[in-house]
Structures are given as structure tokens and as C-alpha cells.
Amino acid sequence: MSSIEIDEKKYPDQKSISEYMQKSENKTDCALKIFETEETVKFPQYILDAINWEYVQK
């Protein structure tokens, strides 16, 4: 199992994991698992930029 508990045998590569995570019935569950994990998550720069932009706007 991965850090967000996706079965790596069922979803063996980045493409299949991405497709799983983008399905509407899995989005909330995946987001919560990412938020709650104690492992380090490396977010893409565009996500970090969006968070920073939103924070600066307030």
C-alpha cells in the first residue's frame, strides 16, 4: 500500500493512480488521506504557487 492507501498492485503506475484519484467518487477520500498523512508530500510548484497566491491575496 502507498502512503495514501492505494493498492499498488491494482494501480501499479503513476497514470493509473492519477486516474483513480481524479474520479469524482475518490477525490475527497484521496485529499483527506494526503492531508492526514504523516509522510512528507512533495507538491508540484504550481500548487505551491496557487496556495501562496491565495494567501497573499488576503
N, C-alpha and C. Protein backbone atom coordinates (compact mmCIF):
# COMPACT_ATOMS: atom_id res chain seq x y z
N MET A 1 0.83 -1.19 0.00
CA MET A 1 0.00 0.00 0.00
C MET A 1 0.88 1.25 0.00
N SER A 2 0.41 2.25 -0.67
CA SER A 2 1.11 3.53 -0.68
C SER A 2 0.72 4.34 0.55
N SER A 3 1.32 5.50 0.69
CA SER A 3 1.05 6.33 1.86
C SER A 3 -0.41 6.80 1.92
N ILE A 4 -1.08 6.83 0.79
CA ILE A 4 -2.50 7.20 0.82
C ILE A 4 -3.38 5.96 0.64
N GLU A 5 -2.81 4.82 0.90
CA GLU A 5 -3.52 3.55 0.94
C GLU A 5 -4.17 3.16 -0.38
N ILE A 6 -3.52 3.44 -1.48
CA ILE A 6 -3.97 2.97 -2.79
C ILE A 6 -3.23 1.67 -3.07
N ASP A 7 -3.96 0.65 -3.42
CA ASP A 7 -3.38 -0.67 -3.67
C ASP A 7 -2.44 -0.61 -4.87
N GLU A 8 -1.14 -0.73 -4.60
CA GLU A 8 -0.12 -0.61 -5.66
C GLU A 8 -0.17 -1.76 -6.65
N LYS A 9 -0.77 -2.88 -6.28
CA LYS A 9 -0.94 -3.99 -7.23
C LYS A 9 -2.05 -3.67 -8.22
N LYS A 10 -3.10 -3.02 -7.73
CA LYS A 10 -4.22 -2.66 -8.59
C LYS A 10 -3.91 -1.42 -9.43
N TYR A 11 -3.10 -0.51 -8.87
CA TYR A 11 -2.73 0.73 -9.55
C TYR A 11 -1.21 0.83 -9.54
N PRO A 12 -0.55 0.15 -10.48
CA PRO A 12 0.91 -0.01 -10.43
C PRO A 12 1.75 1.17 -10.92
N ASP A 13 1.13 2.13 -11.60
CA ASP A 13 1.94 3.22 -12.16
C ASP A 13 1.27 4.57 -11.92
N GLN A 14 2.01 5.62 -12.21
CA GLN A 14 1.55 6.98 -11.96
C GLN A 14 0.24 7.28 -12.70
N LYS A 15 0.12 6.81 -13.93
CA LYS A 15 -1.08 7.09 -14.72
C LYS A 15 -2.31 6.47 -14.08
N SER A 16 -2.22 5.21 -13.67
CA SER A 16 -3.39 4.54 -13.08
C SER A 16 -3.75 5.15 -11.72
N ILE A 17 -2.75 5.54 -10.95
CA ILE A 17 -3.02 6.20 -9.66
C ILE A 17 -3.69 7.55 -9.90
N SER A 18 -3.19 8.31 -10.85
CA SER A 18 -3.77 9.61 -11.17
C SER A 18 -5.23 9.47 -11.62
N GLU A 19 -5.49 8.49 -12.47
CA GLU A 19 -6.87 8.26 -12.92
C GLU A 19 -7.77 7.90 -11.75
N TYR A 20 -7.28 7.07 -10.84
CA TYR A 20 -8.05 6.70 -9.65
C TYR A 20 -8.35 7.93 -8.81
N MET A 21 -7.35 8.75 -8.56
CA MET A 21 -7.51 9.91 -7.69
C MET A 21 -8.43 10.97 -8.30
N GLN A 22 -8.52 11.03 -9.63
CA GLN A 22 -9.33 12.05 -10.28
C GLN A 22 -10.80 11.66 -10.45
N LYS A 23 -11.14 10.41 -10.18
CA LYS A 23 -12.54 10.01 -10.25
C LYS A 23 -13.31 10.71 -9.14
N SER A 24 -14.48 11.24 -9.48
CA SER A 24 -15.23 12.05 -8.51
C SER A 24 -15.52 11.29 -7.22
N GLU A 25 -15.72 10.00 -7.29
CA GLU A 25 -16.03 9.24 -6.08
C GLU A 25 -14.80 9.00 -5.19
N ASN A 26 -13.60 9.32 -5.67
CA ASN A 26 -12.38 9.10 -4.90
C ASN A 26 -11.69 10.40 -4.46
N LYS A 27 -12.09 11.53 -5.00
CA LYS A 27 -11.37 12.79 -4.76
C LYS A 27 -11.30 13.18 -3.29
N THR A 28 -12.42 13.17 -2.61
CA THR A 28 -12.43 13.60 -1.21
C THR A 28 -11.61 12.66 -0.35
N ASP A 29 -11.79 11.37 -0.55
CA ASP A 29 -11.05 10.38 0.23
C ASP A 29 -9.54 10.53 0.03
N CYS A 30 -9.12 10.71 -1.22
CA CYS A 30 -7.69 10.88 -1.51
C CYS A 30 -7.16 12.18 -0.90
N ALA A 31 -7.93 13.25 -1.01
CA ALA A 31 -7.50 14.54 -0.45
C ALA A 31 -7.32 14.44 1.06
N LEU A 32 -8.25 13.78 1.74
CA LEU A 32 -8.14 13.63 3.19
C LEU A 32 -6.93 12.78 3.56
N LYS A 33 -6.67 11.73 2.81
CA LYS A 33 -5.52 10.88 3.10
C LYS A 33 -4.21 11.64 2.92
N ILE A 34 -4.15 12.47 1.88
CA ILE A 34 -2.95 13.28 1.67
C ILE A 34 -2.79 14.29 2.81
N PHE A 35 -3.89 14.93 3.20
CA PHE A 35 -3.86 15.92 4.27
C PHE A 35 -3.46 15.30 5.60
N GLU A 36 -3.93 14.09 5.87
CA GLU A 36 -3.71 13.45 7.17
C GLU A 36 -2.42 12.64 7.27
N THR A 37 -1.75 12.39 6.16
CA THR A 37 -0.55 11.56 6.21
C THR A 37 0.56 12.25 7.01
N GLU A 38 1.35 11.45 7.68
CA GLU A 38 2.50 11.99 8.41
C GLU A 38 3.76 11.91 7.56
N GLU A 39 3.63 11.37 6.37
CA GLU A 39 4.76 11.31 5.45
C GLU A 39 4.92 12.65 4.74
N THR A 40 6.12 12.93 4.29
CA THR A 40 6.37 14.15 3.54
C THR A 40 5.76 14.02 2.15
N VAL A 41 5.01 15.02 1.75
CA VAL A 41 4.40 15.04 0.43
C VAL A 41 5.04 16.18 -0.34
N LYS A 42 5.57 15.87 -1.51
CA LYS A 42 6.18 16.90 -2.34
C LYS A 42 5.15 17.34 -3.38
N PHE A 43 4.64 18.55 -3.19
CA PHE A 43 3.64 19.07 -4.10
C PHE A 43 4.31 19.75 -5.28
N PRO A 44 3.67 19.71 -6.46
CA PRO A 44 4.21 20.41 -7.62
C PRO A 44 4.27 21.92 -7.35
N GLN A 45 5.20 22.58 -7.98
CA GLN A 45 5.40 24.02 -7.76
C GLN A 45 4.14 24.82 -8.07
N TYR A 46 3.38 24.43 -9.10
CA TYR A 46 2.19 25.20 -9.44
C TYR A 46 1.15 25.16 -8.32
N ILE A 47 1.11 24.08 -7.56
CA ILE A 47 0.20 24.00 -6.41
C ILE A 47 0.69 24.94 -5.31
N LEU A 48 1.99 24.90 -5.03
CA LEU A 48 2.56 25.79 -4.02
C LEU A 48 2.36 27.25 -4.40
N ASP A 49 2.52 27.56 -5.68
CA ASP A 49 2.31 28.93 -6.15
C ASP A 49 0.86 29.36 -5.96
N ALA A 50 -0.08 28.46 -6.25
CA ALA A 50 -1.50 28.79 -6.09
C ALA A 50 -1.85 29.03 -4.63
N ILE A 51 -1.31 28.21 -3.74
CA ILE A 51 -1.56 28.39 -2.31
C ILE A 51 -0.97 29.71 -1.84
N ASN A 52 0.24 30.00 -2.26
CA ASN A 52 0.89 31.25 -1.88
C ASN A 52 0.13 32.45 -2.42
N TRP A 53 -0.33 32.38 -3.66
CA TRP A 53 -1.07 33.48 -4.27
C TRP A 53 -2.36 33.73 -3.49
N GLU A 54 -3.07 32.67 -3.15
CA GLU A 54 -4.31 32.81 -2.39
C GLU A 54 -4.04 33.43 -1.03
N TYR A 55 -2.97 33.00 -0.38
CA TYR A 55 -2.62 33.52 0.95
C TYR A 55 -2.26 35.00 0.88
N VAL A 56 -1.52 35.40 -0.13
CA VAL A 56 -1.08 36.79 -0.28
C VAL A 56 -2.27 37.69 -0.58
N GLN A 57 -3.29 37.19 -1.24
CA GLN A 57 -4.46 37.99 -1.61
C GLN A 57 -5.30 38.40 -0.40
N LYS A 58 -5.15 37.71 0.72
CA LYS A 58 -5.98 38.00 1.91
C LYS A 58 -5.40 39.09 2.76
